[in-house]
Amino acid sequence: MSMIPYFFGRRNNVFDPFSLDVFDPFDAFRSISESRPGSLSSETSALANTRIDWKETPEAHVFKADLPGLKKEEVKVEVEEGRVLQISGERSREKEEKNDTWHRVERSSGRFLRRFRLPEGARVDQVKAAMENGVLMVTVPKVEVKKPDVKAIDISG
């Protein structure tokens, strides 16, 4: 198993000035050593790599997060400190019965938290969030920019 794609491909927004993610160069090593079932630290960081897309349209900033298996009651969307969008949630671990025999545990459980600094012109008072089929979509409208009135002038001559 090569660690290079995971280690360097983990974040695609390294140069994004609006991202508040903190790069941890030891995260790849830690996740490998702590990925044993029953490891408490792997449980708390399991969803830390929740992937969120952020696109900007002329009308709004749109965030899409893949959150398979989560219900909308398990996810929180907040705007704090004026222009910081915070998306968080938690996936509970399944109950283990004493007579169950686990052969493989790959589905993650735990908490996740992502923050994004919204640019000037974001209408934080009109944020909308919807969740369908495990995909959370957060829409932050932008302040409408008035285009200057342009008046055509006839050229004589």
Protein backbone atom coordinates (compact mmCIF):
# COMPACT_ATOMS: atom_id res chain seq x y z
CA MET A 1 0.00 0.00 0.00
CA SER A 2 1.49 3.29 -1.06
CA MET A 3 1.15 6.18 1.33
CA ILE A 4 2.12 8.84 -1.19
CA PRO A 5 -1.34 9.36 -2.76
CA TYR A 6 -3.00 9.54 0.65
CA PHE A 7 -0.31 11.71 2.21
CA PHE A 8 -0.10 14.27 -0.56
CA GLY A 9 -3.61 13.87 -2.02
CA ARG A 10 -5.35 14.33 1.30
CA ARG A 11 -6.03 18.04 0.82
CA ASN A 12 -6.65 19.75 -2.43
CA ASN A 13 -7.10 23.19 -0.90
CA VAL A 14 -3.61 23.77 0.50
CA PHE A 15 -3.44 27.18 -1.14
CA ASP A 16 -7.07 28.12 -0.49
CA PRO A 17 -6.98 31.28 1.67
CA PHE A 18 -10.55 30.70 2.84
CA SER A 19 -9.96 27.22 4.24
CA LEU A 20 -9.37 26.93 7.96
CA ASP A 21 -8.18 23.33 7.78
CA VAL A 22 -4.89 22.73 9.50
CA PHE A 23 -2.45 20.51 7.64
CA ASP A 24 -1.00 17.76 9.83
CA PRO A 25 1.96 16.05 8.10
CA PHE A 26 1.80 13.13 10.53
CA ASP A 27 -1.89 12.44 9.96
CA ALA A 28 -1.25 9.68 7.40
CA PHE A 29 1.08 7.86 9.76
CA ARG A 30 -1.26 8.29 12.70
CA SER A 31 -4.28 6.96 10.81
CA ILE A 32 -2.40 3.82 9.77
CA SER A 33 -1.14 3.05 13.27
CA GLU A 34 -4.47 3.81 14.95
CA SER A 35 -6.85 2.15 12.50
CA ARG A 36 -7.21 -1.00 14.60
CA PRO A 37 -10.79 -1.74 15.68
CA GLY A 38 -11.48 -0.48 19.17
CA SER A 39 -8.87 2.25 19.03
CA LEU A 40 -10.48 5.31 20.61
CA SER A 41 -8.33 7.88 18.82
CA SER A 42 -9.17 6.42 15.42
CA GLU A 43 -12.84 6.72 16.32
CA THR A 44 -12.60 10.45 16.99
CA SER A 45 -10.64 11.21 13.82
CA ALA A 46 -12.41 8.78 11.50
CA LEU A 47 -14.58 11.37 9.78
CA ALA A 48 -12.05 14.18 9.95
CA ASN A 49 -11.36 13.77 6.24
CA THR A 50 -14.97 14.41 5.25
CA ARG A 51 -14.80 15.66 1.67
CA ILE A 52 -16.59 18.91 0.93
CA ASP A 53 -16.77 20.62 -2.46
CA TRP A 54 -17.06 24.43 -2.60
CA LYS A 55 -18.06 26.16 -5.80
CA GLU A 56 -18.92 29.75 -6.48
CA THR A 57 -21.64 30.72 -8.90
CA PRO A 58 -22.62 34.27 -9.85
CA GLU A 59 -25.45 34.09 -7.29
CA ALA A 60 -24.04 32.05 -4.39
CA HIS A 61 -21.38 29.92 -2.75
CA VAL A 62 -22.43 26.25 -2.78
CA PHE A 63 -20.98 23.58 -0.50
CA LYS A 64 -21.61 19.86 -1.06
CA ALA A 65 -20.60 17.25 1.49
CA ASP A 66 -20.85 13.48 1.08
CA LEU A 67 -22.17 12.15 4.39
CA PRO A 68 -23.35 8.60 3.67
CA GLY A 69 -25.33 6.97 6.42
CA LEU A 70 -25.92 10.17 8.37
CA LYS A 71 -29.34 11.62 9.06
CA LYS A 72 -29.98 15.36 8.96
CA GLU A 73 -30.45 15.30 12.75
CA GLU A 74 -26.82 14.14 13.12
CA VAL A 75 -25.41 17.12 11.16
CA LYS A 76 -25.09 20.77 12.25
CA VAL A 77 -24.55 23.77 9.98
CA GLU A 78 -23.64 27.03 11.74
CA VAL A 79 -22.26 30.45 10.90
CA GLU A 80 -20.00 31.74 13.65
CA GLU A 81 -17.88 34.84 14.18
CA GLY A 82 -19.66 36.64 11.39
CA ARG A 83 -18.38 34.83 8.28
CA VAL A 84 -17.16 31.36 9.31
CA LEU A 85 -19.29 28.50 8.04
CA GLN A 86 -19.02 25.44 10.27
CA ILE A 87 -20.29 21.99 9.26
CA SER A 88 -20.10 19.27 11.91
CA GLY A 89 -21.65 15.96 12.82
CA GLU A 90 -21.21 12.56 14.37
CA ARG A 91 -21.74 8.99 13.26
CA SER A 92 -22.31 6.54 16.11
CA ARG A 93 -20.57 3.20 16.31
CA GLU A 94 -22.79 0.14 15.99
CA LYS A 95 -23.56 -1.77 19.17
CA GLU A 96 -21.43 -4.86 19.58
CA GLU A 97 -23.19 -7.95 20.80
CA LYS A 98 -21.18 -10.38 22.89
CA ASN A 99 -21.84 -13.28 20.53
CA ASP A 100 -20.98 -11.31 17.34
CA THR A 101 -17.81 -12.16 15.45
CA TRP A 102 -16.42 -9.26 13.42
CA HIS A 103 -14.35 -10.20 10.38
CA ARG A 104 -13.69 -6.68 9.11
CA VAL A 105 -14.43 -3.15 10.31
CA GLU A 106 -14.05 -0.55 7.54
CA ARG A 107 -16.95 1.84 8.00
CA SER A 108 -15.86 4.81 10.04
CA SER A 109 -17.56 6.29 13.04
CA GLY A 110 -16.84 9.39 15.05
CA ARG A 111 -17.05 13.14 14.72
CA PHE A 112 -16.16 15.57 11.98
CA LEU A 113 -15.83 19.33 11.89
CA ARG A 114 -15.00 21.54 8.91
CA ARG A 115 -14.79 25.33 8.84
CA PHE A 116 -14.71 27.70 5.88
CA ARG A 117 -14.10 31.44 6.01
CA LEU A 118 -16.66 33.03 3.72
CA PRO A 119 -15.53 35.96 1.57
CA GLU A 120 -16.91 39.49 1.77
CA GLY A 121 -20.28 39.76 0.12
CA ALA A 122 -21.64 36.47 1.48
CA ARG A 123 -25.17 36.84 2.85
CA VAL A 124 -24.76 34.83 6.05
CA ASP A 125 -28.27 35.78 7.16
CA GLN A 126 -29.77 33.81 4.24
CA VAL A 127 -27.85 30.49 4.43
CA LYS A 128 -29.89 27.46 3.39
CA ALA A 129 -29.05 23.79 3.95
CA ALA A 130 -30.69 20.65 2.57
CA MET A 131 -29.79 16.98 2.83
CA GLU A 132 -30.85 14.30 0.39
CA ASN A 133 -29.51 10.77 -0.11
CA GLY A 134 -26.51 11.37 2.17
CA VAL A 135 -25.43 14.58 0.40
CA LEU A 136 -25.55 17.84 2.34
CA MET A 137 -25.91 20.98 0.22
CA VAL A 138 -25.34 24.38 1.85
CA THR A 139 -26.08 27.50 -0.19
CA VAL A 140 -24.78 30.91 0.88
CA PRO A 141 -26.22 33.66 -1.35
CA LYS A 142 -23.99 36.53 -2.43
CA VAL A 143 -24.79 40.23 -2.16
CA GLU A 144 -26.26 41.35 -5.44
CA VAL A 145 -23.80 43.58 -7.22
CA LYS A 146 -25.50 46.32 -9.16
CA LYS A 147 -24.20 46.71 -12.66
CA PRO A 148 -23.64 50.31 -13.64
CA ASP A 149 -26.26 51.72 -15.93
CA VAL A 150 -24.87 51.90 -19.42
CA LYS A 151 -26.37 54.36 -21.81
CA ALA A 152 -25.54 54.13 -25.51
CA ILE A 153 -24.50 57.39 -27.08
CA ASP A 154 -25.07 58.00 -30.77
CA ILE A 155 -22.00 59.12 -32.65
CA SER A 156 -22.63 61.95 -35.05
CA GLY A 157 -20.57 62.78 -37.99
